[in-house]
């Protein structure tokens, strides 16, 4: 009976935030789960993880068990080669679900980044058929068009309390520490995203689509160096990435609430942003003291966001 609850919870409100307004997409994708056990276990795992964050009943062990099975069977499936478009879509869906399950795990940052990288490595398996698949609205131009429909420049978070200026100033300070090409490219990308919100919102969201896609373009060695917990400069870059994604995505999530069942609103909980705050706080706590000055802005943003979430949920 627990698995039925996990699956129902996934369908109602625990599905990934992509595509934008994707409730109907995930209803269709769920129908593929009876043919792909890795997808079924991934969905059950995310449902269990989300429920664990929501209330006093903990399903962490169930969530972990489903996750382990999903990853093992997905790897076995991908190793076979020669997949149909339907198979590739199911694999992409499973990786996306596993990615956002990691976003509910206090120790899930490495998994989150690695699974996000996996999305951009598996996506090309679908090829041109991706544009006509159930995930067509996750394509860059669709995403940008939908984002601009939902957000006006005046309503964007970067226009609140001078966030863009503070974020860009923090990037400028961080620039003197950069050591690798990947770090330099990431800093330049984040500056473009933040600085173009006021002048060209569409371009800002277009650049935003590259934030995690770049992980898929790194070589294995570059990626290993980038996510190495001992690489403190990359940790600082990742802190800024997480905060930036939180700000950019804030106006987009929940955009399909009119299409969701009314009962879904009973389970609304800002679990993804809470975990961003946890990850940012953990990175800050593990930085050498001499480097914490470069992390003050994202750390303060995370603390302020957590205070807002606490205030909202206590009402």
Protein backbone atom coordinates (compact mmCIF):
# COMPACT_ATOMS: atom_id res chain seq x y z
CA UNK A 1 0.00 0.00 0.00
CA UNK A 2 2.91 2.35 0.64
CA UNK A 3 3.99 2.13 -3.02
CA UNK A 4 0.48 3.07 -4.14
CA UNK A 5 0.67 6.13 -1.94
CA UNK A 6 4.09 7.07 -3.34
CA UNK A 7 2.84 6.72 -6.93
CA UNK A 8 -0.33 8.71 -6.28
CA UNK A 9 1.68 11.43 -4.54
CA UNK A 10 4.09 11.61 -7.48
CA UNK A 11 1.22 12.05 -9.93
CA UNK A 12 -0.49 14.75 -7.88
CA UNK A 13 2.34 17.00 -6.76
CA UNK A 14 5.80 15.40 -6.58
CA UNK A 15 6.60 15.30 -10.32
CA UNK A 16 9.64 17.28 -11.57
CA UNK A 17 9.27 21.04 -12.23
CA UNK A 18 10.33 20.56 -15.85
CA UNK A 19 8.83 20.98 -18.38
CA UNK A 20 7.23 24.24 -17.23
CA UNK A 21 3.59 23.55 -16.44
CA UNK A 22 4.31 19.87 -16.94
CA UNK A 23 1.49 18.22 -14.96
CA UNK A 24 -0.14 16.80 -18.11
CA UNK A 25 3.26 15.67 -19.45
CA UNK A 26 3.96 13.62 -16.35
CA UNK A 27 0.49 12.10 -16.41
CA UNK A 28 1.34 10.76 -19.89
CA UNK A 29 4.86 9.69 -18.93
CA UNK A 30 3.53 7.74 -15.95
CA UNK A 31 1.64 5.52 -18.38
CA UNK A 32 5.00 4.26 -19.68
CA UNK A 33 6.07 3.03 -16.24
CA UNK A 34 4.43 -0.39 -16.56
CA UNK A 35 6.77 -1.13 -19.50
CA UNK A 36 9.92 0.27 -17.87
CA UNK A 37 10.55 -0.80 -14.29
CA UNK A 38 13.40 1.69 -13.87
CA UNK A 39 10.91 4.51 -14.51
CA UNK A 40 8.38 3.04 -12.07
CA UNK A 41 10.99 2.79 -9.30
CA UNK A 42 12.25 6.31 -10.01
CA UNK A 43 8.71 7.70 -9.67
CA UNK A 44 8.08 5.76 -6.47
CA UNK A 45 11.36 7.00 -5.04
CA UNK A 46 10.58 10.65 -5.74
CA UNK A 47 7.09 10.27 -4.31
CA UNK A 48 8.55 8.77 -1.13
CA UNK A 49 11.24 11.46 -0.85
CA UNK A 50 8.73 14.26 -1.26
CA UNK A 51 6.41 12.74 1.35
CA UNK A 52 9.35 12.45 3.75
CA UNK A 53 9.92 16.19 3.51
CA UNK A 54 6.22 17.01 3.92
CA UNK A 55 5.35 15.42 7.22
CA UNK A 56 6.38 13.54 10.33
CA UNK A 57 6.17 10.10 8.70
CA UNK A 58 9.57 9.31 7.20
CA UNK A 59 9.93 7.21 4.07
CA UNK A 60 13.65 7.81 3.60
CA UNK A 61 14.51 4.10 3.54
CA UNK A 62 11.75 3.35 1.01
CA UNK A 63 12.92 6.26 -1.13
CA UNK A 64 16.52 5.07 -1.06
CA UNK A 65 15.58 1.47 -1.91
CA UNK A 66 13.54 2.56 -4.93
CA UNK A 67 16.35 4.90 -6.02
CA UNK A 68 19.00 2.18 -5.87
CA UNK A 69 16.83 -0.22 -7.89
CA UNK A 70 15.94 2.47 -10.43
CA UNK A 71 19.58 3.44 -11.03
CA UNK A 72 20.76 -0.18 -11.30
CA UNK A 73 18.04 -1.15 -13.77
CA UNK A 74 18.42 2.05 -15.76
CA UNK A 75 22.16 1.40 -16.13
CA UNK A 76 21.45 -2.17 -17.26
CA UNK A 77 18.90 -0.87 -19.75
CA UNK A 78 21.23 1.78 -21.21
CA UNK A 79 24.08 -0.74 -21.51
CA UNK A 80 22.05 -2.84 -23.95
CA UNK A 81 22.17 -0.21 -26.71
CA UNK A 82 19.85 0.05 -29.74
CA UNK A 83 16.90 1.72 -28.04
CA UNK A 84 13.65 2.81 -29.63
CA UNK A 85 12.47 6.42 -29.30
CA UNK A 86 9.95 5.30 -26.69
CA UNK A 87 12.71 3.58 -24.71
CA UNK A 88 14.92 6.66 -24.86
CA UNK A 89 12.06 8.91 -23.72
CA UNK A 90 11.45 6.59 -20.74
CA UNK A 91 15.17 6.67 -19.88
CA UNK A 92 15.26 10.46 -20.12
CA UNK A 93 12.17 10.69 -17.91
CA UNK A 94 13.72 8.38 -15.31
CA UNK A 95 16.93 10.41 -15.16
CA UNK A 96 14.94 13.62 -14.77
CA UNK A 97 12.92 12.06 -11.94
CA UNK A 98 16.09 10.78 -10.25
CA UNK A 99 17.61 14.25 -10.61
CA UNK A 100 14.78 15.88 -8.72
CA UNK A 101 14.67 13.13 -6.14
CA UNK A 102 18.27 14.09 -5.35
CA UNK A 103 16.99 17.64 -4.85
CA UNK A 104 15.07 16.30 -1.82
CA UNK A 105 18.17 14.76 -0.22
CA UNK A 106 20.39 16.72 2.21
CA UNK A 107 23.44 14.83 0.90
CA UNK A 108 22.17 14.78 -2.69
CA UNK A 109 24.12 17.63 -4.30
CA UNK A 110 26.62 15.37 -6.09
CA UNK A 111 23.78 13.11 -7.27
CA UNK A 112 21.78 16.14 -8.42
CA UNK A 113 24.61 17.50 -10.54
CA UNK A 114 25.56 14.07 -11.90
CA UNK A 115 21.98 13.20 -12.85
CA UNK A 116 21.51 16.63 -14.41
CA UNK A 117 24.62 15.94 -16.50
CA UNK A 118 23.08 12.57 -17.39
CA UNK A 119 19.97 14.26 -18.76
CA UNK A 120 22.08 16.08 -21.33
CA UNK A 121 24.03 12.93 -22.21
CA UNK A 122 20.92 10.76 -22.68
CA UNK A 123 18.81 13.43 -24.40
CA UNK A 124 20.67 13.11 -27.74
CA UNK A 125 19.73 9.40 -27.81
CA UNK A 126 16.22 10.51 -28.73
CA UNK A 127 17.53 12.55 -31.65
CA UNK A 128 15.27 14.70 -33.80
CA UNK A 129 12.23 12.78 -32.55
CA UNK A 130 12.65 14.65 -29.25
CA UNK A 131 10.87 17.61 -30.88
CA UNK A 132 7.73 15.53 -31.36
CA UNK A 133 7.95 13.55 -28.12
CA UNK A 134 6.01 14.18 -24.93
CA UNK A 135 9.01 16.23 -23.76
CA UNK A 136 9.00 18.64 -26.70
CA UNK A 137 8.20 21.57 -24.36
CA UNK A 138 11.49 21.06 -22.53
CA UNK A 139 13.33 22.13 -25.69
CA UNK A 140 15.14 25.45 -25.37
CA UNK A 141 12.88 27.63 -27.52
CA UNK A 142 9.70 26.20 -25.98
CA UNK A 143 11.11 26.81 -22.50
CA UNK A 144 12.07 30.42 -23.26
CA UNK A 145 8.72 31.20 -24.85
CA UNK A 146 6.79 29.77 -21.90
CA UNK A 147 9.03 31.50 -19.36
CA UNK A 148 8.52 34.90 -20.97
CA UNK A 149 4.75 34.33 -21.00
CA UNK A 150 4.79 33.71 -17.25
CA UNK A 151 7.25 36.36 -16.12
CA UNK A 152 7.37 40.10 -16.71
CA UNK A 153 10.64 41.94 -16.09
CA UNK A 154 9.01 44.04 -13.35
CA UNK A 155 7.86 40.91 -11.50
CA UNK A 156 11.18 39.10 -11.67
CA UNK A 157 12.98 38.28 -8.43
CA UNK A 158 16.12 40.04 -9.68
CA UNK A 159 14.23 43.35 -9.41
CA UNK A 160 13.62 42.80 -5.70
CA UNK A 161 15.98 44.53 -3.26
CA UNK A 162 18.72 44.92 -5.86
CA UNK A 163 19.33 41.18 -6.12
CA UNK A 164 20.92 41.39 -9.57
CA UNK A 165 23.45 44.00 -8.45
CA UNK A 166 24.34 42.02 -5.33
CA UNK A 167 24.65 38.78 -7.26
CA UNK A 168 26.85 40.31 -9.97
CA UNK A 169 29.04 42.01 -7.36
CA UNK A 170 29.55 38.64 -5.67
CA UNK A 171 30.53 37.11 -9.02
CA UNK A 172 32.97 39.96 -9.63
CA UNK A 173 34.65 39.28 -6.29
CA UNK A 174 34.81 35.56 -7.04
CA UNK A 175 36.41 36.13 -10.44
CA UNK A 176 39.90 36.66 -9.01
CA UNK A 177 39.97 33.06 -7.70
CA UNK A 178 39.06 31.18 -10.87
CA UNK A 179 41.48 28.48 -11.97
CA UNK A 180 39.91 26.46 -14.79
CA UNK A 181 38.23 27.14 -18.11
CA UNK A 182 34.98 25.62 -16.82
CA UNK A 183 34.95 28.00 -13.85
CA UNK A 184 35.59 31.04 -16.06
CA UNK A 185 32.85 29.99 -18.48
CA UNK A 186 30.37 29.40 -15.67
CA UNK A 187 31.03 32.79 -14.12
CA UNK A 188 30.59 34.53 -17.49
CA UNK A 189 27.35 32.63 -18.13
CA UNK A 190 25.89 33.53 -14.73
CA UNK A 191 26.79 37.18 -15.25
CA UNK A 192 24.97 37.17 -18.61
CA UNK A 193 21.87 35.60 -17.07
CA UNK A 194 21.64 38.07 -14.19
CA UNK A 195 22.57 41.22 -16.10
CA UNK A 196 20.16 40.68 -19.02
CA UNK A 197 16.96 40.20 -16.98
CA UNK A 198 16.04 43.88 -17.14
CA UNK A 199 16.94 44.49 -20.79
CA UNK A 200 16.10 41.19 -22.50
CA UNK A 201 14.12 38.70 -20.42
CA UNK A 202 13.95 36.15 -23.25
CA UNK A 203 17.73 36.18 -23.63
CA UNK A 204 18.16 35.84 -19.87
CA UNK A 205 16.03 32.69 -19.81
CA UNK A 206 17.69 31.40 -22.96
CA UNK A 207 21.08 31.70 -21.25
CA UNK A 208 19.57 30.08 -18.15
CA UNK A 209 18.98 26.90 -20.16
CA UNK A 210 22.76 26.46 -20.45
CA UNK A 211 23.34 26.59 -16.68
CA UNK A 212 23.22 22.82 -16.19
CA UNK A 213 23.61 21.84 -19.84
CA UNK A 214 27.25 22.88 -19.61
CA UNK A 215 27.79 19.96 -17.22
CA UNK A 216 27.10 17.63 -20.13
CA UNK A 217 29.81 19.31 -22.22
CA UNK A 218 32.58 18.83 -19.68
CA UNK A 219 34.97 15.94 -20.18
CA UNK A 220 34.98 13.22 -17.53
CA UNK A 221 38.13 14.68 -15.97
CA UNK A 222 36.80 18.25 -16.06
CA UNK A 223 33.55 17.15 -14.45
CA UNK A 224 35.33 15.15 -11.74
CA UNK A 225 37.41 18.21 -10.89
CA UNK A 226 34.40 20.53 -10.95
CA UNK A 227 32.33 18.48 -8.46
CA UNK A 228 35.27 17.48 -6.23
CA UNK A 229 34.34 18.63 -2.69
CA UNK A 230 37.98 19.57 -2.16
CA UNK A 231 37.88 22.04 -5.07
CA UNK A 232 36.77 25.04 -3.03
CA UNK A 233 36.66 27.45 -5.97
CA UNK A 234 34.26 25.17 -7.83
CA UNK A 235 32.23 24.87 -4.61
CA UNK A 236 31.88 28.65 -4.66
CA UNK A 237 30.78 28.53 -8.31
CA UNK A 238 28.23 25.82 -7.49
CA UNK A 239 26.85 27.92 -4.60
CA UNK A 240 26.18 30.76 -7.00
CA UNK A 241 24.69 28.36 -9.58
CA UNK A 242 22.22 26.98 -7.05
CA UNK A 243 21.12 30.41 -5.89
CA UNK A 244 20.82 31.70 -9.45
CA UNK A 245 18.70 28.73 -10.51
CA UNK A 246 16.52 29.23 -7.44
CA UNK A 247 15.93 32.88 -8.37
CA UNK A 248 15.29 32.22 -12.07
CA UNK A 249 12.97 29.25 -11.50
CA UNK A 250 11.00 30.86 -8.70
CA UNK A 251 8.40 32.50 -10.94
CA UNK A 252 7.96 29.44 -13.14
CA UNK A 253 7.21 26.59 -10.76
CA UNK A 254 3.58 25.99 -9.92
CA UNK A 255 2.58 27.52 -13.26
CA UNK A 256 0.08 24.74 -14.03
CA UNK A 257 -1.82 24.86 -10.74
CA UNK A 258 -5.13 25.38 -12.54
CA UNK A 259 -4.71 21.99 -14.19
CA UNK A 260 -3.69 20.11 -11.06
CA UNK A 261 -6.23 18.46 -8.77
CA UNK A 262 -7.44 20.74 -5.99
CA UNK A 263 -6.01 18.31 -3.42
CA UNK A 264 -2.51 19.04 -4.72
CA UNK A 265 -2.54 22.44 -3.02
CA UNK A 266 -2.76 20.66 0.34
CA UNK A 267 0.72 19.25 -0.27
CA UNK A 268 2.47 22.39 -1.51
CA UNK A 269 5.84 22.70 0.20
CA UNK A 270 8.94 24.45 -0.99
CA UNK A 271 11.11 21.35 -0.68
CA UNK A 272 13.39 22.15 -3.59
CA UNK A 273 14.32 25.61 -2.31
CA UNK A 274 14.74 24.25 1.20
CA UNK A 275 17.32 21.79 -0.09
CA UNK A 276 19.12 24.55 -2.01
CA UNK A 277 19.40 26.39 1.31
CA UNK A 278 20.73 23.24 2.98
CA UNK A 279 23.30 22.61 0.23
CA UNK A 280 24.48 26.23 0.20
CA UNK A 281 24.77 26.19 3.99
CA UNK A 282 26.76 22.95 3.92
CA UNK A 283 29.17 24.29 1.31
CA UNK A 284 29.67 27.47 3.32
CA UNK A 285 30.33 25.53 6.53
CA UNK A 286 33.01 23.41 4.82
CA UNK A 287 34.89 26.28 3.18
CA UNK A 288 38.23 27.38 4.62
CA UNK A 289 37.69 30.54 6.67
CA UNK A 290 39.79 32.64 4.30
CA UNK A 291 37.41 31.81 1.42
CA UNK A 292 34.12 32.46 3.20
CA UNK A 293 34.16 36.13 2.22
CA UNK A 294 33.52 34.97 -1.36
CA UNK A 295 30.47 33.00 -0.24
CA UNK A 296 28.76 35.61 1.95
CA UNK A 297 26.21 36.77 -0.62
CA UNK A 298 24.80 33.34 -1.60
CA UNK A 299 24.95 32.19 2.04
CA UNK A 300 23.00 35.25 3.20
CA UNK A 301 20.48 34.77 0.38
CA UNK A 302 19.95 31.16 1.47
CA UNK A 303 19.47 32.17 5.11
CA UNK A 304 16.97 34.88 4.17
CA UNK A 305 15.08 32.48 1.91
CA UNK A 306 14.93 29.86 4.65
CA UNK A 307 13.53 32.45 7.07
CA UNK A 308 10.83 33.35 4.53
CA UNK A 309 9.92 29.69 4.03
CA UNK A 310 9.76 29.14 7.80
CA UNK A 311 7.49 32.17 8.15
CA UNK A 312 5.18 31.00 5.35
CA UNK A 313 4.84 27.46 6.69
CA UNK A 314 4.21 28.59 10.26
CA UNK A 315 1.18 30.69 9.29
